[in-house]
Protein backbone atom coordinates (compact mmCIF):
# COMPACT_ATOMS: atom_id res chain seq x y z
CA UNK A 1 55.45 161.94 -88.76
CA UNK A 2 56.95 163.70 -91.75
CA UNK A 3 57.72 162.30 -95.17
CA UNK A 4 60.00 163.40 -97.97
CA UNK A 5 62.10 162.38 -100.92
CA UNK A 6 65.82 162.57 -100.25
CA UNK A 7 67.39 164.72 -102.91
CA UNK A 8 64.03 166.18 -103.92
CA UNK A 9 63.72 168.26 -100.77
CA UNK A 10 66.20 169.83 -98.40
CA UNK A 11 65.96 168.21 -94.99
CA UNK A 12 65.63 170.69 -92.13
CA UNK A 13 65.86 169.88 -88.49
CA UNK A 14 62.55 169.73 -86.70
CA UNK A 15 62.19 171.54 -83.39
CA UNK A 16 63.31 169.45 -80.48
CA UNK A 17 61.07 169.10 -77.47
CA UNK A 18 62.71 169.88 -74.16
CA UNK A 19 63.94 166.70 -72.52
CA UNK A 20 62.58 165.83 -69.11
CA UNK A 21 64.81 165.14 -66.16
CA UNK A 22 64.21 161.42 -66.62
CA UNK A 23 64.62 161.29 -70.40
CA UNK A 24 65.09 157.82 -71.85
CA UNK A 25 67.25 159.42 -74.54
CA UNK A 26 69.08 162.76 -74.81
CA UNK A 27 67.14 165.65 -76.30
CA UNK A 28 69.04 165.42 -79.60
CA UNK A 29 67.54 161.94 -80.04
CA UNK A 30 63.92 163.13 -79.90
CA UNK A 31 63.72 163.32 -83.70
CA UNK A 32 64.48 160.05 -85.51
CA UNK A 33 65.03 160.05 -89.28
CA UNK A 34 64.72 156.96 -91.44
CA UNK A 35 65.90 156.37 -94.98
CA UNK A 36 63.51 154.23 -96.98
CA UNK A 37 63.13 152.70 -100.42
CA UNK A 38 59.89 151.94 -102.23
CA UNK A 39 59.91 148.22 -101.46
CA UNK A 40 56.98 146.75 -99.59
CA UNK A 41 58.94 144.80 -96.99
CA UNK A 42 61.36 147.57 -96.07
CA UNK A 43 58.57 150.14 -95.92
CA UNK A 44 56.40 147.98 -93.64
CA UNK A 45 59.35 147.66 -91.25
CA UNK A 46 60.16 151.35 -91.42
CA UNK A 47 56.60 152.51 -90.84
CA UNK A 48 56.05 150.01 -88.04
CA UNK A 49 59.07 151.24 -86.09
CA UNK A 50 58.25 154.89 -86.85
CA UNK A 51 54.71 154.41 -85.53
CA UNK A 52 55.91 152.79 -82.33
CA UNK A 53 58.41 155.58 -81.74
CA UNK A 54 55.71 158.21 -82.26
CA UNK A 55 53.61 156.41 -79.63
CA UNK A 56 56.62 156.53 -77.31
CA UNK A 57 56.95 160.30 -77.62
CA UNK A 58 59.50 160.63 -80.41
CA UNK A 59 59.15 162.57 -83.66
CA UNK A 60 59.96 160.68 -86.83
CA UNK A 61 60.65 161.49 -90.44
CA UNK A 62 60.71 158.94 -93.27
CA UNK A 63 62.35 159.87 -96.57
CA UNK A 64 62.19 157.67 -99.64
CA UNK A 65 64.88 157.51 -102.30
CA UNK A 66 67.08 155.11 -104.24
CA UNK A 67 69.27 152.65 -102.34
CA UNK A 68 72.44 154.65 -103.01
CA UNK A 69 70.92 157.90 -101.76
CA UNK A 70 69.47 156.09 -98.74
CA UNK A 71 72.98 154.90 -97.86
CA UNK A 72 74.43 158.37 -98.37
CA UNK A 73 71.79 159.95 -96.11
CA UNK A 74 72.60 157.56 -93.26
CA UNK A 75 76.35 157.96 -93.81
CA UNK A 76 76.10 161.75 -93.58
CA UNK A 77 73.85 161.67 -90.53
CA UNK A 78 71.03 163.31 -92.48
CA UNK A 79 69.07 160.18 -91.57
CA UNK A 80 69.72 157.86 -88.66
CA UNK A 81 68.80 154.37 -89.84
CA UNK A 82 67.74 152.22 -92.78
CA UNK A 83 66.12 148.77 -92.68
CA UNK A 84 67.02 147.67 -96.21
CA UNK A 85 70.68 146.65 -96.44
CA UNK A 86 70.52 143.41 -98.47
CA UNK A 87 73.73 141.42 -98.49
CA UNK A 88 75.49 140.16 -100.49
CA UNK A 89 73.77 141.89 -103.45
CA UNK A 90 74.34 145.44 -102.15
CA UNK A 91 77.93 144.80 -101.06
CA UNK A 92 79.55 146.91 -103.78
CA UNK A 93 77.28 149.85 -102.93
CA UNK A 94 77.80 149.78 -99.17
CA UNK A 95 81.47 148.73 -98.98
CA UNK A 96 82.86 152.26 -99.52
CA UNK A 97 80.83 153.46 -96.53
CA UNK A 98 82.09 150.64 -94.36
CA UNK A 99 85.66 151.46 -95.40
CA UNK A 100 85.14 155.11 -94.42
CA UNK A 101 83.53 154.05 -91.15
CA UNK A 102 80.51 156.32 -91.51
CA UNK A 103 77.86 153.57 -91.19
CA UNK A 104 77.51 150.41 -89.14
CA UNK A 105 75.33 147.31 -89.18
CA UNK A 106 72.98 147.21 -86.20
CA UNK A 107 71.34 143.80 -86.54
CA UNK A 108 70.30 141.22 -89.11
CA UNK A 109 66.61 142.13 -89.16
CA UNK A 110 65.74 139.32 -91.59
CA UNK A 111 67.55 136.07 -92.31
CA UNK A 112 66.76 133.48 -94.97
CA UNK A 113 65.86 135.99 -97.68
CA UNK A 114 66.36 135.46 -101.41
CA UNK A 115 67.03 137.81 -104.34
CA UNK A 116 67.71 136.66 -107.89
CA UNK A 117 66.08 136.13 -111.29
CA UNK A 118 62.73 134.38 -111.46
CA UNK A 119 60.37 133.06 -114.13
CA UNK A 120 56.80 131.74 -114.15
CA UNK A 121 56.57 128.05 -113.26
CA UNK A 122 55.43 127.14 -116.77
CA UNK A 123 58.63 128.67 -118.17
CA UNK A 124 60.71 126.74 -115.65
CA UNK A 125 58.84 123.53 -116.53
CA UNK A 126 59.59 124.19 -120.21
CA UNK A 127 63.29 123.90 -119.46
CA UNK A 128 64.46 127.36 -118.38
CA UNK A 129 65.91 126.43 -115.00
CA UNK A 130 69.32 128.13 -115.11
CA UNK A 131 70.74 131.49 -116.16
CA UNK A 132 72.48 129.61 -118.97
CA UNK A 133 69.09 128.65 -120.47
CA UNK A 134 67.83 132.20 -120.96
CA UNK A 135 69.55 133.19 -124.19
CA UNK A 136 68.54 129.92 -125.89
CA UNK A 137 64.98 131.27 -125.70
CA UNK A 138 65.75 134.95 -126.25
CA UNK A 139 62.98 135.29 -128.82
CA UNK A 140 60.30 134.14 -126.37
CA UNK A 141 61.59 136.56 -123.73
CA UNK A 142 62.05 139.32 -126.34
CA UNK A 143 65.58 139.58 -124.88
CA UNK A 144 64.21 141.57 -121.94
CA UNK A 145 64.70 141.51 -118.20
CA UNK A 146 62.12 143.26 -116.04
CA UNK A 147 63.54 145.11 -113.06
CA UNK A 148 62.49 147.66 -110.49
CA UNK A 149 63.60 151.27 -109.92
CA UNK A 150 66.70 152.67 -111.58
CA UNK A 151 69.76 152.50 -109.36
CA UNK A 152 68.52 149.47 -107.47
CA UNK A 153 71.20 146.90 -106.78
CA UNK A 154 69.28 144.15 -108.59
CA UNK A 155 69.03 146.29 -111.70
CA UNK A 156 72.73 147.11 -111.48
CA UNK A 157 73.57 143.42 -111.24
CA UNK A 158 71.55 142.69 -114.38
CA UNK A 159 73.27 145.55 -116.19
CA UNK A 160 76.64 144.14 -115.13
CA UNK A 161 75.66 140.76 -116.55
CA UNK A 162 74.70 142.39 -119.83
CA UNK A 163 77.93 144.41 -119.95
CA UNK A 164 79.95 141.27 -119.23
CA UNK A 165 78.00 139.23 -121.78
CA UNK A 166 77.57 136.70 -118.98
CA UNK A 167 75.62 133.63 -120.07
CA UNK A 168 75.59 135.16 -123.60
CA UNK A 169 73.17 137.84 -122.41
CA UNK A 170 75.05 140.79 -123.88
CA UNK A 171 72.29 141.56 -126.37
CA UNK A 172 69.53 141.75 -123.80
CA UNK A 173 67.85 144.88 -122.40
CA UNK A 174 66.68 145.79 -118.92
CA UNK A 175 63.23 147.33 -118.53
CA UNK A 176 63.39 149.51 -115.41
CA UNK A 177 60.19 150.41 -113.61
CA UNK A 178 59.23 150.05 -109.92
CA UNK A 179 58.23 147.17 -107.69
CA UNK A 180 54.55 147.72 -108.48
CA UNK A 181 55.21 148.31 -112.18
CA UNK A 182 57.32 145.19 -112.57
CA UNK A 183 54.80 143.02 -110.75
CA UNK A 184 51.99 144.35 -112.94
CA UNK A 185 53.99 143.42 -116.02
CA UNK A 186 54.63 139.93 -114.67
CA UNK A 187 50.98 139.51 -113.76
CA UNK A 188 49.90 140.44 -117.30
CA UNK A 189 52.46 138.08 -118.82
CA UNK A 190 51.30 135.18 -116.68
CA UNK A 191 47.66 135.86 -117.53
CA UNK A 192 48.63 135.50 -121.21
CA UNK A 193 51.07 132.63 -120.55
CA UNK A 194 53.86 134.72 -122.06
CA UNK A 195 57.51 134.22 -121.17
CA UNK A 196 59.00 136.73 -118.77
CA UNK A 197 62.11 136.88 -116.58
CA UNK A 198 62.25 139.35 -113.71
CA UNK A 199 63.76 140.21 -110.36
CA UNK A 200 62.25 137.99 -107.70
CA UNK A 201 62.78 138.05 -103.96
CA UNK A 202 61.52 136.51 -100.76
CA UNK A 203 59.87 137.23 -98.51
CA UNK A 204 57.27 138.88 -100.71
CA UNK A 205 53.64 138.05 -101.57
CA UNK A 206 54.68 137.46 -105.20
CA UNK A 207 55.82 134.03 -104.03
CA UNK A 208 52.24 133.03 -103.26
CA UNK A 209 50.41 135.28 -105.72
CA UNK A 210 52.42 133.92 -108.67
CA UNK A 211 53.23 130.33 -109.55
CA UNK A 212 56.92 131.10 -110.01
CA UNK A 213 60.39 129.60 -109.73
CA UNK A 214 63.87 130.99 -109.07
CA UNK A 215 66.61 130.25 -111.57
CA UNK A 216 69.77 128.37 -110.66
CA UNK A 217 73.16 129.90 -111.39
CA UNK A 218 74.23 133.51 -111.21
CA UNK A 219 76.47 132.93 -108.18
CA UNK A 220 79.02 135.45 -109.42
CA UNK A 221 76.31 138.12 -109.57
CA UNK A 222 73.52 137.37 -107.09
CA UNK A 223 75.53 135.16 -104.75
CA UNK A 224 75.19 131.49 -103.80
CA UNK A 225 72.06 129.53 -102.89
CA UNK A 226 69.91 131.13 -105.60
CA UNK A 227 70.52 134.62 -104.29
CA UNK A 228 70.36 133.76 -100.60
CA UNK A 229 70.45 136.99 -98.61
CA UNK A 230 70.41 138.53 -95.15
CA UNK A 231 68.82 141.94 -94.58
CA UNK A 232 70.45 144.28 -92.07
CA UNK A 233 69.47 147.43 -90.25
CA UNK A 234 72.01 150.15 -91.00
CA UNK A 235 72.71 153.18 -88.80
CA UNK A 236 74.99 156.18 -88.75
CA UNK A 237 78.16 155.21 -86.92
CA UNK A 238 77.75 155.96 -83.21
CA UNK A 239 73.98 156.48 -83.37
CA UNK A 240 73.06 153.45 -81.25
CA UNK A 241 75.43 154.56 -78.49
CA UNK A 242 74.30 158.19 -78.68
CA UNK A 243 70.59 157.29 -78.56
CA UNK A 244 70.52 154.06 -76.52
CA UNK A 245 66.75 153.81 -76.10
CA UNK A 246 66.02 154.02 -79.83
CA UNK A 247 69.16 151.97 -80.38
CA UNK A 248 67.82 149.17 -78.21
CA UNK A 249 64.64 149.04 -80.27
CA UNK A 250 66.66 148.95 -83.49
CA UNK A 251 68.86 146.15 -82.13
CA UNK A 252 65.84 144.07 -81.17
CA UNK A 253 63.63 144.70 -84.19
CA UNK A 254 63.82 141.49 -86.23
CA UNK A 255 61.35 139.47 -88.27
CA UNK A 256 61.23 135.93 -89.59
CA UNK A 257 60.52 135.31 -93.27
CA UNK A 258 56.99 134.22 -92.35
CA UNK A 259 56.34 137.27 -90.18
CA UNK A 260 57.52 139.71 -92.83
CA UNK A 261 55.51 137.90 -95.49
CA UNK A 262 52.36 138.37 -93.41
CA UNK A 263 53.03 142.08 -92.99
CA UNK A 264 53.64 142.54 -96.72
CA UNK A 265 50.49 140.64 -97.65
CA UNK A 266 48.37 143.10 -95.66
CA UNK A 267 49.61 145.80 -98.03
CA UNK A 268 49.51 143.96 -101.35
CA UNK A 269 46.45 141.79 -100.78
CA UNK A 270 44.35 143.73 -98.26
CA UNK A 271 45.15 147.30 -99.38
CA UNK A 272 46.31 148.41 -95.95
CA UNK A 273 48.77 151.25 -95.63
CA UNK A 274 52.20 150.31 -94.34
CA UNK A 275 51.81 151.39 -90.72
CA UNK A 276 48.37 149.80 -90.58
CA UNK A 277 49.90 146.57 -91.87
CA UNK A 278 52.49 146.71 -89.12
CA UNK A 279 49.82 147.19 -86.47
CA UNK A 280 47.80 144.30 -87.91
CA UNK A 281 50.87 142.07 -87.76
CA UNK A 282 51.37 142.97 -84.10
CA UNK A 283 47.73 142.33 -83.29
CA UNK A 284 47.96 138.90 -84.90
CA UNK A 285 51.32 138.18 -83.25
CA UNK A 286 51.45 140.22 -80.01
CA UNK A 287 54.45 138.18 -78.85
CA UNK A 288 56.51 140.29 -81.25
CA UNK A 289 56.31 143.21 -78.86
CA UNK A 290 58.10 141.35 -76.09
CA UNK A 291 60.95 140.62 -78.49
CA UNK A 292 61.17 144.15 -79.83
CA UNK A 293 60.51 146.26 -76.73
CA UNK A 294 62.33 144.49 -73.92
CA UNK A 295 64.03 147.23 -71.88
CA UNK A 296 62.76 150.04 -74.15
CA UNK A 297 60.98 153.02 -72.57
CA UNK A 298 59.10 156.09 -73.68
CA UNK A 299 61.25 159.04 -74.72
CA UNK A 300 60.85 160.64 -71.30
CA UNK A 301 61.77 157.39 -69.56
CA UNK A 302 58.58 157.40 -67.50
CA UNK A 303 56.91 154.23 -68.84
CA UNK A 304 57.85 150.91 -70.34
CA UNK A 305 57.36 150.85 -74.09
CA UNK A 306 55.69 147.44 -73.99
CA UNK A 307 52.80 148.76 -71.88
CA UNK A 308 52.35 151.85 -74.04
CA UNK A 309 52.15 149.98 -77.34
CA UNK A 310 49.86 147.32 -75.87
CA UNK A 311 47.50 150.06 -74.71
CA UNK A 312 47.58 151.72 -78.12
CA UNK A 313 46.47 148.46 -79.74
CA UNK A 314 44.05 147.40 -76.97
CA UNK A 315 46.06 144.25 -76.38
C-alpha cells in the first residue's frame, strides 16, 4: 500500500500486474486509489477496505487531503473512491461535481450520523442549549468556536454563520486546528470546567469520552435534527461498472453507528493503527464479512473473497 498527500505530491501510476485469464476485474482495475481525510471514522473505513483489497491481490494507494481536494481527486479520476461524503453539510462542496457528472454516490455507508455544534454537558445544563444562547455568554466562550482542519465543511459552515451574523455571532472567531487538536483543546477545557463550543459529530468516541451535548438550532446551516447526516461512498463516474469486483465491495461496505464507533474507539482509546482497528472490528464482528464480501472474489477471480479474508484473520 502506498500513501501520499494529494497536492503535496504528484500521483504516478503504479505498474499494473498482468491480468490472468480468469481475472475478477480488468487489468486497469488492479490498482485502486482512495481519497482520504484525517478523520478517524473515514480513515478506519478507508484502511479497512484497502487492507482487504491488498489481501485479495489488488494494489492500493491512500492519499490524504482536505475534503475539497479529495472530491477533486475522485472527480478527475486521480483517485477512485472516497468514504467521507457527509450530507447535507457537504452539499455545497459536492453539488458542482454532481452537476458536471464526474462523480457518483455508490452507497450510504453510514446512516444516523450527526454533525453540528456541541458543548460540555455542564455548559448545556447552565442554559446554553440552542445556537441562540451562545452570544449571550460570549465572554465565557471568549467568542471562539473550535473547529478542525481548514477547508473542512464544518469550519466553512461556522465561517458562513459568522459572515452572516447569524444568531448575533458576527463578532466571533473560528480556531482552526485538526480533529486531534480540537479534541485536545476540548479535553483541557473540560478538565478545567471552562466553557467551550466546538464541532461535534457522531459516531465518534468523543460522545463517550466527553460528557457533552449537541445544541439545538442551526437548521439553516447544519441541517435539521441537530445536524442529522448520512455518509456516502463517492466514486468516479463509471468506476463501479468498469471495475465490478471492487465496485461490488464498495456497494456492500456499510457500517452501523455502533459498528463504526467500535472501530474508531480502537484507534482513539486503544492506540491501534487504522487498519489494525478495522481487523479488530472484523474479529469481534465476523458477520460483517458476509455482508461486505458476498459475491466478491480475489483480483484473479480464482477464490471467494470471504474465504481469503477469513483465512487472513484465522476466523
